[in-house]
Amino acid sequence: MIRLIINVDDFGLTSGVNRAIAECSRAGAITSATLMANSRCFDEAVKIGQDLPRLKVGCHVVLIDGEPLSDSPISLLENSPKGTARFRSDLKAFALAALRKKISQEDIRRETEAQVRKIQAAGIAPTHVDTHKHTHMFPHVLRAVLRAAKACGVRAVRNPFEPSGSLKKAIVAGSPSLWVRSAEVAALRRFAGPFRKIVREEGMATTDGTIGVTVTGSLDQKLLSSMIHSLPEGTWELVCHPGHADADLRAAGTRLVESRQVELQTLTSEETKRALSDRGIRLISYADLKEI
């Protein structure tokens, strides 16, 4: 059996992203979305989540590219002008600091808990946690995120590692833009073993892995159909980023703009529905997972 969670990241980023998530949910194209507690359209996203009971909502923990909710998580912040507090914007710098354990796990724990608690206070019970740009793939970050989630009663987490073979070699070979991304994703699999060990030790539920990471920003009908037909037995997540490419999105500082419009059309297409049906894939959410 193949079980698949189709999760949209960046819930709350802009009204256009929120609207696209609502459209996808009503069309039965997604099962889950992860909400950014520090996003400017948070309140609107909460209302959408409450109005769509079939849409399960998790917490998209932001530890990079944004503003903190907790008090002075110094080790997470970039050097900013006095009076401002912002997370690092450079993922490579964050990764290096995490690997060198230069980021305080207590800062991570408090910030994660603050974000989850804000969502809970708004009346939504998060089904799981994941992180913006998958920063929880690093063991030093993961342990703190999981302990914060558990303290809030959240017992599931995204497995951010993409299985080899999720994209056919011929497709990667025919797209130079995927070469580097595919190599980067493959290199990061070195953290998959420690991830499984820590998740098991913390008693959390997760999937067998996530597809769609390599093609973030490039996902279209051809790529999605290919991934669906290549999906092996097990429980997986498809990570996606649909949205309306409007002025607000262009001003939001995300590199994913026009690609979100393509993803919206792809996720809600008849071809995608047929591909899922042909494989006999059962769509689920993180609420359907059981603890390890």
Protein backbone atom coordinates (compact mmCIF):
# COMPACT_ATOMS: atom_id res chain seq x y z
CA MET A 1 0.00 0.00 0.00
CA ILE A 2 1.10 3.54 -0.73
CA ARG A 3 -0.05 6.26 1.65
CA LEU A 4 0.65 9.88 0.79
CA ILE A 5 0.39 13.13 2.72
CA ILE A 6 0.17 16.12 0.38
CA ASN A 7 1.33 19.05 2.48
CA VAL A 8 1.56 22.70 1.51
CA ASP A 9 4.23 24.79 3.25
CA ASP A 10 4.11 28.54 3.97
CA PHE A 11 0.46 28.77 5.10
CA GLY A 12 0.03 32.39 6.19
CA LEU A 13 2.79 33.84 3.99
CA THR A 14 0.41 35.96 1.87
CA SER A 15 -3.32 36.14 1.17
CA GLY A 16 -2.65 34.69 -2.29
CA VAL A 17 -0.92 31.66 -0.78
CA ASN A 18 -3.76 31.26 1.73
CA ARG A 19 -6.34 31.45 -1.05
CA ALA A 20 -4.50 28.84 -3.11
CA ILE A 21 -4.35 26.48 -0.13
CA ALA A 22 -8.10 26.87 0.38
CA GLU A 23 -8.72 26.15 -3.32
CA CYS A 24 -6.53 23.05 -3.21
CA SER A 25 -8.25 21.77 -0.07
CA ARG A 26 -11.74 22.24 -1.49
CA ALA A 27 -10.63 20.41 -4.64
CA GLY A 28 -9.36 17.48 -2.56
CA ALA A 29 -5.86 18.08 -3.92
CA ILE A 30 -4.10 18.40 -0.55
CA THR A 31 -4.54 16.90 2.90
CA SER A 32 -2.38 19.13 5.04
CA ALA A 33 -0.76 22.55 5.37
CA THR A 34 1.87 23.90 7.73
CA LEU A 35 1.21 27.31 9.23
CA MET A 36 3.88 29.96 9.85
CA ALA A 37 3.14 31.39 13.28
CA ASN A 38 5.13 34.57 12.59
CA SER A 39 3.59 35.26 9.17
CA ARG A 40 1.78 38.48 8.35
CA CYS A 41 -1.36 36.69 7.13
CA PHE A 42 -1.53 34.36 10.14
CA ASP A 43 -5.02 35.39 11.31
CA GLU A 44 -6.48 34.88 7.84
CA ALA A 45 -4.84 31.45 7.60
CA VAL A 46 -6.28 30.45 10.99
CA LYS A 47 -9.79 31.32 9.82
CA ILE A 48 -9.31 29.32 6.61
CA GLY A 49 -8.04 26.37 8.62
CA GLN A 50 -11.05 26.54 10.93
CA ASP A 51 -13.46 26.80 7.99
CA LEU A 52 -11.96 23.72 6.29
CA PRO A 53 -12.13 20.88 8.84
CA ARG A 54 -10.78 18.33 6.33
CA LEU A 55 -7.56 20.33 6.03
CA LYS A 56 -5.16 19.29 8.77
CA VAL A 57 -2.75 21.96 9.94
CA GLY A 58 0.77 21.64 11.32
CA CYS A 59 3.37 24.17 12.42
CA HIS A 60 5.93 25.35 9.86
CA VAL A 61 8.62 26.25 12.37
CA VAL A 62 10.62 29.25 11.18
CA LEU A 63 14.22 29.45 12.42
CA ILE A 64 15.58 31.26 9.37
CA ASP A 65 14.21 34.12 7.23
CA GLY A 66 11.83 35.77 9.64
CA GLU A 67 11.31 37.36 13.03
CA PRO A 68 11.27 35.48 16.35
CA LEU A 69 8.31 35.16 18.67
CA SER A 70 10.34 34.26 21.76
CA ASP A 71 12.44 36.70 23.76
CA SER A 72 15.96 37.24 22.42
CA PRO A 73 16.96 33.87 20.92
CA ILE A 74 20.44 35.41 20.41
CA SER A 75 22.14 32.44 18.78
CA LEU A 76 19.45 32.29 16.06
CA LEU A 77 19.70 35.93 15.08
CA GLU A 78 21.75 37.68 12.44
CA ASN A 79 23.70 40.84 13.20
CA SER A 80 20.99 43.46 12.75
CA PRO A 81 20.74 47.17 13.46
CA LYS A 82 19.94 47.96 17.07
CA GLY A 83 16.27 47.52 17.90
CA THR A 84 15.55 44.84 15.30
CA ALA A 85 15.62 41.08 15.66
CA ARG A 86 15.71 38.81 12.65
CA PHE A 87 16.81 35.27 12.01
CA ARG A 88 19.72 34.51 9.70
CA SER A 89 18.82 34.68 6.03
CA ASP A 90 21.72 32.50 4.81
CA LEU A 91 20.90 28.78 4.96
CA LYS A 92 24.54 27.77 4.53
CA ALA A 93 25.56 29.96 7.47
CA PHE A 94 22.76 28.43 9.56
CA ALA A 95 23.81 24.90 8.58
CA LEU A 96 27.43 25.56 9.49
CA ALA A 97 26.45 27.02 12.86
CA ALA A 98 24.16 24.04 13.53
CA LEU A 99 26.82 21.50 12.61
CA ARG A 100 29.34 23.28 14.85
CA LYS A 101 26.71 23.46 17.62
CA LYS A 102 27.04 27.22 17.72
CA ILE A 103 23.26 27.59 17.98
CA SER A 104 21.75 27.17 21.42
CA GLN A 105 19.36 24.24 21.66
CA GLU A 106 17.54 26.17 24.36
CA ASP A 107 16.99 29.05 21.92
CA ILE A 108 15.64 26.59 19.35
CA ARG A 109 13.41 24.89 21.91
CA ARG A 110 11.93 28.16 23.22
CA GLU A 111 11.34 29.60 19.76
CA THR A 112 9.74 26.40 18.46
CA GLU A 113 7.49 26.18 21.50
CA ALA A 114 6.46 29.83 21.13
CA GLN A 115 5.43 29.24 17.53
CA VAL A 116 3.47 26.05 18.27
CA ARG A 117 1.78 27.67 21.29
CA LYS A 118 0.65 30.64 19.20
CA ILE A 119 -1.10 28.30 16.76
CA GLN A 120 -2.71 26.39 19.61
CA ALA A 121 -3.84 29.63 21.27
CA ALA A 122 -5.58 30.56 18.00
CA GLY A 123 -7.73 27.43 18.28
CA ILE A 124 -5.86 25.04 15.99
CA ALA A 125 -4.38 21.76 17.22
CA PRO A 126 -1.25 21.19 15.09
CA THR A 127 -0.92 17.66 13.75
CA HIS A 128 2.86 17.86 13.28
CA VAL A 129 5.88 20.08 12.88
CA ASP A 130 8.22 20.72 9.99
CA THR A 131 10.64 23.58 9.44
CA HIS A 132 11.16 26.33 6.92
CA LYS A 133 13.89 25.19 4.51
CA HIS A 134 14.06 21.84 6.36
CA THR A 135 16.44 23.14 9.04
CA HIS A 136 15.45 20.28 11.35
CA MET A 137 17.42 17.88 9.17
CA PHE A 138 20.46 18.79 11.27
CA PRO A 139 20.64 16.62 14.43
CA HIS A 140 21.47 19.52 16.76
CA VAL A 141 18.35 21.35 15.62
CA LEU A 142 16.12 18.29 15.39
CA ARG A 143 16.45 17.23 19.02
CA ALA A 144 15.43 20.68 20.29
CA VAL A 145 12.52 20.99 17.85
CA LEU A 146 11.15 17.58 18.83
CA ARG A 147 11.36 18.27 22.54
CA ALA A 148 9.50 21.55 22.08
CA ALA A 149 6.85 19.82 19.97
CA LYS A 150 6.39 17.09 22.58
CA ALA A 151 6.05 19.68 25.33
CA CYS A 152 3.13 21.10 23.33
CA GLY A 153 1.55 17.67 22.78
CA VAL A 154 2.56 17.40 19.11
CA ARG A 155 3.82 13.92 18.29
CA ALA A 156 4.71 13.87 14.56
CA VAL A 157 7.41 15.42 12.41
CA ARG A 158 8.29 15.62 8.72
CA ASN A 159 10.99 13.27 7.49
CA PRO A 160 12.68 15.76 5.10
CA PHE A 161 14.84 13.23 3.28
CA GLU A 162 13.96 12.39 -0.30
CA PRO A 163 14.44 8.77 -1.40
CA SER A 164 16.84 8.07 -4.21
CA GLY A 165 14.93 7.25 -7.38
CA SER A 166 12.05 9.62 -6.69
CA LEU A 167 12.97 11.25 -10.00
CA LYS A 168 13.92 9.20 -13.02
CA LYS A 169 17.55 9.66 -14.05
CA ALA A 170 16.50 10.61 -17.58
CA ILE A 171 14.43 13.51 -16.23
CA VAL A 172 17.28 14.83 -14.08
CA ALA A 173 19.77 14.39 -16.92
CA GLY A 174 17.54 16.38 -19.25
CA SER A 175 17.23 19.35 -16.89
CA PRO A 176 20.44 21.20 -15.95
CA SER A 177 18.52 23.13 -13.31
CA LEU A 178 17.90 19.86 -11.46
CA TRP A 179 21.50 18.61 -11.59
CA VAL A 180 22.83 20.74 -8.75
CA ARG A 181 19.66 20.49 -6.69
CA SER A 182 19.63 16.70 -7.04
CA ALA A 183 23.27 16.47 -5.96
CA GLU A 184 22.61 18.70 -2.93
CA VAL A 185 19.62 16.62 -1.83
CA ALA A 186 21.64 13.42 -2.25
CA ALA A 187 24.50 14.83 -0.16
CA LEU A 188 22.13 15.72 2.67
CA ARG A 189 21.03 12.08 3.00
CA ARG A 190 24.04 11.64 5.29
CA PHE A 191 21.78 13.03 8.02
CA ALA A 192 18.94 10.56 7.37
CA GLY A 193 20.31 7.89 9.71
CA PRO A 194 20.75 10.24 12.67
CA PHE A 195 17.29 11.67 11.92
CA ARG A 196 15.63 8.25 12.23
CA LYS A 197 17.58 7.49 15.41
CA ILE A 198 16.60 10.73 17.13
CA VAL A 199 12.95 10.48 16.06
CA ARG A 200 12.83 6.94 17.44
CA GLU A 201 14.48 7.98 20.71
CA GLU A 202 12.02 10.85 21.15
CA GLY A 203 9.04 8.58 20.39
CA MET A 204 7.74 10.65 17.48
CA ALA A 205 5.84 9.56 14.39
CA THR A 206 7.09 10.28 10.90
CA THR A 207 6.93 9.06 7.31
CA ASP A 208 9.35 7.04 5.19
CA GLY A 209 10.48 10.25 3.50
CA THR A 210 9.42 13.25 1.44
CA ILE A 211 9.20 13.74 -2.30
CA GLY A 212 9.18 17.11 -4.01
CA VAL A 213 12.24 18.52 -2.24
CA THR A 214 14.48 18.31 -5.31
CA VAL A 215 11.90 19.94 -7.57
CA THR A 216 10.97 22.82 -5.25
CA GLY A 217 10.51 25.76 -7.58
CA SER A 218 10.29 23.49 -10.62
CA LEU A 219 7.32 21.25 -9.89
CA ASP A 220 5.04 20.90 -12.90
CA GLN A 221 2.70 18.28 -14.33
CA LYS A 222 5.43 16.19 -15.94
CA LEU A 223 7.53 16.04 -12.79
CA LEU A 224 4.61 15.38 -10.43
CA SER A 225 3.17 12.61 -12.61
CA SER A 226 6.60 10.99 -12.83
CA MET A 227 7.11 11.09 -9.06
CA ILE A 228 3.66 9.63 -8.43
CA HIS A 229 4.34 6.74 -10.81
CA SER A 230 7.77 6.12 -9.21
CA LEU A 231 6.54 6.19 -5.60
CA PRO A 232 7.33 2.91 -3.79
CA GLU A 233 5.27 1.16 -1.14
CA GLY A 234 5.17 2.94 2.19
CA THR A 235 4.06 6.20 3.78
CA TRP A 236 5.35 9.36 2.14
CA GLU A 237 4.87 13.10 2.04
CA LEU A 238 4.71 15.33 -1.01
CA VAL A 239 5.87 18.84 -0.10
CA CYS A 240 4.49 21.60 -2.32
CA HIS A 241 4.12 25.36 -2.51
CA PRO A 242 1.04 26.48 -4.47
CA GLY A 243 0.03 30.12 -4.50
CA HIS A 244 -1.21 33.04 -6.54
CA ALA A 245 1.68 35.01 -8.06
CA ASP A 246 0.42 38.45 -7.10
CA ALA A 247 2.12 41.65 -5.95
CA ASP A 248 2.08 40.60 -2.30
CA LEU A 249 3.94 37.40 -3.10
CA ARG A 250 6.52 39.27 -5.16
CA ALA A 251 7.11 41.57 -2.19
CA ALA A 252 7.38 38.72 0.32
CA GLY A 253 11.05 37.98 -0.34
CA THR A 254 10.51 34.39 -1.47
CA ARG A 255 12.24 32.95 -4.54
CA LEU A 256 9.09 30.93 -5.25
CA VAL A 257 6.73 33.21 -7.15
CA GLU A 258 5.60 32.14 -10.63
CA SER A 259 6.31 28.51 -9.72
CA ARG A 260 3.53 28.63 -7.10
CA GLN A 261 0.97 29.38 -9.78
CA VAL A 262 2.19 26.37 -11.79
CA GLU A 263 1.96 24.15 -8.72
CA LEU A 264 -1.60 25.30 -8.03
CA GLN A 265 -2.65 24.29 -11.53
CA THR A 266 -0.73 21.01 -11.33
CA LEU A 267 -2.09 19.90 -7.97
CA THR A 268 -5.70 20.53 -8.96
CA SER A 269 -5.47 19.02 -12.45
CA GLU A 270 -7.43 16.00 -13.67
CA GLU A 271 -4.17 14.40 -14.74
CA THR A 272 -2.88 14.45 -11.17
CA LYS A 273 -6.11 12.94 -9.88
CA ARG A 274 -5.88 10.16 -12.47
CA ALA A 275 -2.23 9.45 -11.62
CA LEU A 276 -3.04 9.08 -7.92
CA SER A 277 -6.05 6.88 -8.70
CA ASP A 278 -4.13 4.70 -11.15
CA ARG A 279 -1.53 3.91 -8.48
CA GLY A 280 -4.19 3.26 -5.85
CA ILE A 281 -2.59 5.82 -3.55
CA ARG A 282 -4.41 6.50 -0.30
CA LEU A 283 -4.28 10.16 0.74
CA ILE A 284 -3.81 10.70 4.47
CA SER A 285 -2.60 13.39 6.87
CA TYR A 286 -0.22 13.43 9.82
CA ALA A 287 -3.24 12.91 12.06
CA ASP A 288 -3.38 9.37 10.65
CA LEU A 289 0.16 8.48 11.72
CA LYS A 290 0.86 6.59 14.90
CA GLU A 291 3.78 7.14 17.24
CA ILE A 292 6.76 4.84 16.77
